[in-house]
Amino acid sequence: MASSTDSSTGVDDEVRQLYERYQAAESDEERREIALEMGKLDGRRHADIYDALEDE
């Protein structure tokens, strides 16, 4: 169970970093690229959740 907590913390850190980059972005194109990265990260997070549920 600790590994899901560890991976969750890592994802939270990635989200925080992406959000900070998004806030500091100087162009719409840069914000768009960061938003795409956020979407990919969200997809990975959901996949991790579903994998954990299957293991229960």
PDB file of N, CA and C in Angstrom:
ATOM      1  N   MET A   1       0.815  -1.185   0.000  1.00  0.00           N
ATOM      2  CA  MET A   1       0.000   0.000   0.000  1.00  0.00           C
ATOM      3  C   MET A   1       0.863   1.253   0.000  1.00  0.00           C
ATOM      4  N   ALA A   2       2.031   1.197   0.578  1.00  0.00           N
ATOM      5  CA  ALA A   2       2.913   2.356   0.625  1.00  0.00           C
ATOM      6  C   ALA A   2       3.311   2.806  -0.775  1.00  0.00           C
ATOM      7  N   SER A   3       3.442   1.858  -1.697  1.00  0.00           N
ATOM      8  CA  SER A   3       3.862   2.235  -3.042  1.00  0.00           C
ATOM      9  C   SER A   3       2.824   3.114  -3.724  1.00  0.00           C
ATOM     10  N   SER A   4       1.522   2.873  -3.490  1.00  0.00           N
ATOM     11  CA  SER A   4       0.512   3.738  -4.097  1.00  0.00           C
ATOM     12  C   SER A   4       0.570   5.121  -3.486  1.00  0.00           C
ATOM     13  N   THR A   5       0.881   5.208  -2.193  1.00  0.00           N
ATOM     14  CA  THR A   5       1.034   6.504  -1.550  1.00  0.00           C
ATOM     15  C   THR A   5       2.258   7.223  -2.113  1.00  0.00           C
ATOM     16  N   ASP A   6       3.352   6.486  -2.284  1.00  0.00           N
ATOM     17  CA  ASP A   6       4.563   7.078  -2.839  1.00  0.00           C
ATOM     18  C   ASP A   6       4.330   7.574  -4.251  1.00  0.00           C
ATOM     19  N   SER A   7       3.666   6.781  -5.081  1.00  0.00           N
ATOM     20  CA  SER A   7       3.424   7.196  -6.454  1.00  0.00           C
ATOM     21  C   SER A   7       2.450   8.359  -6.490  1.00  0.00           C
ATOM     22  N   SER A   8       1.503   8.381  -5.566  1.00  0.00           N
ATOM     23  CA  SER A   8       0.552   9.484  -5.494  1.00  0.00           C
ATOM     24  C   SER A   8       1.281  10.781  -5.143  1.00  0.00           C
ATOM     25  N   THR A   9       2.220  10.694  -4.219  1.00  0.00           N
ATOM     26  CA  THR A   9       3.000  11.867  -3.840  1.00  0.00           C
ATOM     27  C   THR A   9       3.831  12.354  -5.023  1.00  0.00           C
ATOM     28  N   GLY A  10       4.420  11.427  -5.777  1.00  0.00           N
ATOM     29  CA  GLY A  10       5.191  11.799  -6.957  1.00  0.00           C
ATOM     30  C   GLY A  10       4.331  12.482  -7.996  1.00  0.00           C
ATOM     31  N   VAL A  11       3.127  11.970  -8.190  1.00  0.00           N
ATOM     32  CA  VAL A  11       2.202  12.585  -9.145  1.00  0.00           C
ATOM     33  C   VAL A  11       1.799  13.965  -8.657  1.00  0.00           C
ATOM     34  N   ASP A  12       1.540  14.080  -7.361  1.00  0.00           N
ATOM     35  CA  ASP A  12       1.178  15.394  -6.809  1.00  0.00           C
ATOM     36  C   ASP A  12       2.292  16.408  -7.048  1.00  0.00           C
ATOM     37  N   ASP A  13       3.531  15.979  -6.889  1.00  0.00           N
ATOM     38  CA  ASP A  13       4.665  16.869  -7.142  1.00  0.00           C
ATOM     39  C   ASP A  13       4.719  17.276  -8.609  1.00  0.00           C
ATOM     40  N   GLU A  14       4.464  16.311  -9.502  1.00  0.00           N
ATOM     41  CA  GLU A  14       4.467  16.613 -10.935  1.00  0.00           C
ATOM     42  C   GLU A  14       3.359  17.608 -11.272  1.00  0.00           C
ATOM     43  N   VAL A  15       2.187  17.400 -10.686  1.00  0.00           N
ATOM     44  CA  VAL A  15       1.062  18.317 -10.925  1.00  0.00           C
ATOM     45  C   VAL A  15       1.424  19.717 -10.456  1.00  0.00           C
ATOM     46  N   ARG A  16       2.005  19.809  -9.286  1.00  0.00           N
ATOM     47  CA  ARG A  16       2.392  21.114  -8.729  1.00  0.00           C
ATOM     48  C   ARG A  16       3.395  21.813  -9.648  1.00  0.00           C
ATOM     49  N   GLN A  17       4.375  21.061 -10.136  1.00  0.00           N
ATOM     50  CA  GLN A  17       5.380  21.642 -11.027  1.00  0.00           C
ATOM     51  C   GLN A  17       4.760  22.106 -12.342  1.00  0.00           C
ATOM     52  N   LEU A  18       3.872  21.277 -12.900  1.00  0.00           N
ATOM     53  CA  LEU A  18       3.213  21.661 -14.143  1.00  0.00           C
ATOM     54  C   LEU A  18       2.355  22.901 -13.938  1.00  0.00           C
ATOM     55  N   TYR A  19       1.653  22.973 -12.822  1.00  0.00           N
ATOM     56  CA  TYR A  19       0.811  24.136 -12.537  1.00  0.00           C
ATOM     57  C   TYR A  19       1.663  25.401 -12.417  1.00  0.00           C
ATOM     58  N   GLU A  20       2.795  25.282 -11.743  1.00  0.00           N
ATOM     59  CA  GLU A  20       3.694  26.436 -11.610  1.00  0.00           C
ATOM     60  C   GLU A  20       4.223  26.868 -12.970  1.00  0.00           C
ATOM     61  N   ARG A  21       4.587  25.889 -13.809  1.00  0.00           N
ATOM     62  CA  ARG A  21       5.049  26.220 -15.164  1.00  0.00           C
ATOM     63  C   ARG A  21       3.935  26.888 -15.962  1.00  0.00           C
ATOM     64  N   TYR A  22       2.707  26.383 -15.801  1.00  0.00           N
ATOM     65  CA  TYR A  22       1.560  26.944 -16.520  1.00  0.00           C
ATOM     66  C   TYR A  22       1.359  28.409 -16.117  1.00  0.00           C
ATOM     67  N   GLN A  23       1.439  28.677 -14.824  1.00  0.00           N
ATOM     68  CA  GLN A  23       1.254  30.046 -14.335  1.00  0.00           C
ATOM     69  C   GLN A  23       2.353  30.985 -14.840  1.00  0.00           C
ATOM     70  N   ALA A  24       3.552  30.454 -15.027  1.00  0.00           N
ATOM     71  CA  ALA A  24       4.685  31.273 -15.465  1.00  0.00           C
ATOM     72  C   ALA A  24       4.808  31.364 -16.984  1.00  0.00           C
ATOM     73  N   ALA A  25       3.995  30.585 -17.705  1.00  0.00           N
ATOM     74  CA  ALA A  25       4.100  30.546 -19.172  1.00  0.00           C
ATOM     75  C   ALA A  25       3.865  31.929 -19.761  1.00  0.00           C
ATOM     76  N   GLU A  26       4.613  32.221 -20.810  1.00  0.00           N
ATOM     77  CA  GLU A  26       4.548  33.544 -21.423  1.00  0.00           C
ATOM     78  C   GLU A  26       3.715  33.583 -22.697  1.00  0.00           C
ATOM     79  N   SER A  27       3.297  32.416 -23.187  1.00  0.00           N
ATOM     80  CA  SER A  27       2.517  32.403 -24.419  1.00  0.00           C
ATOM     81  C   SER A  27       1.393  31.365 -24.327  1.00  0.00           C
ATOM     82  N   ASP A  28       0.390  31.563 -25.159  1.00  0.00           N
ATOM     83  CA  ASP A  28      -0.703  30.596 -25.212  1.00  0.00           C
ATOM     84  C   ASP A  28      -0.202  29.238 -25.674  1.00  0.00           C
ATOM     85  N   GLU A  29       0.749  29.218 -26.592  1.00  0.00           N
ATOM     86  CA  GLU A  29       1.299  27.957 -27.093  1.00  0.00           C
ATOM     87  C   GLU A  29       1.992  27.184 -25.970  1.00  0.00           C
ATOM     88  N   GLU A  30       2.754  27.896 -25.152  1.00  0.00           N
ATOM     89  CA  GLU A  30       3.434  27.252 -24.026  1.00  0.00           C
ATOM     90  C   GLU A  30       2.406  26.700 -23.038  1.00  0.00           C
ATOM     91  N   ARG A  31       1.351  27.467 -22.746  1.00  0.00           N
ATOM     92  CA  ARG A  31       0.297  27.003 -21.846  1.00  0.00           C
ATOM     93  C   ARG A  31      -0.411  25.784 -22.434  1.00  0.00           C
ATOM     94  N   ARG A  32      -0.618  25.777 -23.740  1.00  0.00           N
ATOM     95  CA  ARG A  32      -1.267  24.640 -24.403  1.00  0.00           C
ATOM     96  C   ARG A  32      -0.424  23.378 -24.242  1.00  0.00           C
ATOM     97  N   GLU A  33       0.882  23.488 -24.452  1.00  0.00           N
ATOM     98  CA  GLU A  33       1.774  22.332 -24.295  1.00  0.00           C
ATOM     99  C   GLU A  33       1.735  21.799 -22.865  1.00  0.00           C
ATOM    100  N   ILE A  34       1.738  22.701 -21.906  1.00  0.00           N
ATOM    101  CA  ILE A  34       1.708  22.286 -20.497  1.00  0.00           C
ATOM    102  C   ILE A  34       0.368  21.634 -20.174  1.00  0.00           C
ATOM    103  N   ALA A  35      -0.716  22.177 -20.723  1.00  0.00           N
ATOM    104  CA  ALA A  35      -2.038  21.587 -20.500  1.00  0.00           C
ATOM    105  C   ALA A  35      -2.096  20.166 -21.066  1.00  0.00           C
ATOM    106  N   LEU A  36      -1.462  19.940 -22.197  1.00  0.00           N
ATOM    107  CA  LEU A  36      -1.409  18.588 -22.762  1.00  0.00           C
ATOM    108  C   LEU A  36      -0.645  17.642 -21.836  1.00  0.00           C
ATOM    109  N   GLU A  37       0.453  18.132 -21.261  1.00  0.00           N
ATOM    110  CA  GLU A  37       1.210  17.319 -20.306  1.00  0.00           C
ATOM    111  C   GLU A  37       0.346  16.990 -19.091  1.00  0.00           C
ATOM    112  N   MET A  38      -0.440  17.982 -18.635  1.00  0.00           N
ATOM    113  CA  MET A  38      -1.329  17.761 -17.498  1.00  0.00           C
ATOM    114  C   MET A  38      -2.352  16.676 -17.821  1.00  0.00           C
ATOM    115  N   GLY A  39      -2.870  16.688 -19.036  1.00  0.00           N
ATOM    116  CA  GLY A  39      -3.833  15.675 -19.457  1.00  0.00           C
ATOM    117  C   GLY A  39      -3.224  14.284 -19.460  1.00  0.00           C
ATOM    118  N   LYS A  40      -2.004  14.173 -19.935  1.00  0.00           N
ATOM    119  CA  LYS A  40      -1.323  12.873 -19.942  1.00  0.00           C
ATOM    120  C   LYS A  40      -1.103  12.378 -18.518  1.00  0.00           C
ATOM    121  N   LEU A  41      -0.697  13.289 -17.646  1.00  0.00           N
ATOM    122  CA  LEU A  41      -0.466  12.934 -16.248  1.00  0.00           C
ATOM    123  C   LEU A  41      -1.770  12.484 -15.596  1.00  0.00           C
ATOM    124  N   ASP A  42      -2.854  13.171 -15.892  1.00  0.00           N
ATOM    125  CA  ASP A  42      -4.158  12.801 -15.352  1.00  0.00           C
ATOM    126  C   ASP A  42      -4.559  11.411 -15.831  1.00  0.00           C
ATOM    127  N   GLY A  43      -4.291  11.107 -17.088  1.00  0.00           N
ATOM    128  CA  GLY A  43      -4.587   9.780 -17.618  1.00  0.00           C
ATOM    129  C   GLY A  43      -3.801   8.696 -16.901  1.00  0.00           C
ATOM    130  N   ARG A  44      -2.523   8.969 -16.627  1.00  0.00           N
ATOM    131  CA  ARG A  44      -1.696   8.000 -15.886  1.00  0.00           C
ATOM    132  C   ARG A  44      -2.236   7.808 -14.476  1.00  0.00           C
ATOM    133  N   ARG A  45      -2.656   8.902 -13.853  1.00  0.00           N
ATOM    134  CA  ARG A  45      -3.189   8.824 -12.495  1.00  0.00           C
ATOM    135  C   ARG A  45      -4.443   7.953 -12.466  1.00  0.00           C
ATOM    136  N   HIS A  46      -5.321   8.130 -13.434  1.00  0.00           N
ATOM    137  CA  HIS A  46      -6.537   7.328 -13.492  1.00  0.00           C
ATOM    138  C   HIS A  46      -6.201   5.857 -13.736  1.00  0.00           C
ATOM    139  N   ALA A  47      -5.243   5.591 -14.593  1.00  0.00           N
ATOM    140  CA  ALA A  47      -4.832   4.212 -14.851  1.00  0.00           C
ATOM    141  C   ALA A  47      -4.302   3.567 -13.572  1.00  0.00           C
ATOM    142  N   ASP A  48      -3.522   4.309 -12.799  1.00  0.00           N
ATOM    143  CA  ASP A  48      -2.996   3.788 -11.532  1.00  0.00           C
ATOM    144  C   ASP A  48      -4.126   3.469 -10.556  1.00  0.00           C
ATOM    145  N   ILE A  49      -5.139   4.335 -10.529  1.00  0.00           N
ATOM    146  CA  ILE A  49      -6.274   4.114  -9.633  1.00  0.00           C
ATOM    147  C   ILE A  49      -7.014   2.837 -10.029  1.00  0.00           C
ATOM    148  N   TYR A  50      -7.283   2.683 -11.325  1.00  0.00           N
ATOM    149  CA  TYR A  50      -7.994   1.483 -11.786  1.00  0.00           C
ATOM    150  C   TYR A  50      -7.180   0.219 -11.540  1.00  0.00           C
ATOM    151  N   ASP A  51      -5.876   0.289 -11.718  1.00  0.00           N
ATOM    152  CA  ASP A  51      -5.019  -0.870 -11.440  1.00  0.00           C
ATOM    153  C   ASP A  51      -5.102  -1.246  -9.959  1.00  0.00           C
ATOM    154  N   ALA A  52      -5.070  -0.244  -9.091  1.00  0.00           N
ATOM    155  CA  ALA A  52      -5.143  -0.502  -7.651  1.00  0.00           C
ATOM    156  C   ALA A  52      -6.479  -1.124  -7.281  1.00  0.00           C
ATOM    157  N   LEU A  53      -7.551  -0.658  -7.907  1.00  0.00           N
ATOM    158  CA  LEU A  53      -8.874  -1.218  -7.617  1.00  0.00           C
ATOM    159  C   LEU A  53      -8.972  -2.673  -8.054  1.00  0.00           C
ATOM    160  N   GLU A  54      -8.346  -3.010  -9.169  1.00  0.00           N
ATOM    161  CA  GLU A  54      -8.373  -4.386  -9.652  1.00  0.00           C
ATOM    162  C   GLU A  54      -7.608  -5.310  -8.715  1.00  0.00           C
ATOM    163  N   ASP A  55      -6.598  -4.789  -8.034  1.00  0.00           N
ATOM    164  CA  ASP A  55      -5.789  -5.597  -7.135  1.00  0.00           C
ATOM    165  C   ASP A  55      -6.477  -5.873  -5.799  1.00  0.00           C
ATOM    166  N   GLU A  56      -7.537  -5.126  -5.495  1.00  0.00           N
ATOM    167  CA  GLU A  56      -8.212  -5.311  -4.200  1.00  0.00           C
ATOM    168  C   GLU A  56      -9.079  -6.524  -4.188  1.00  0.00           C
TER     169      GLU A  56
END
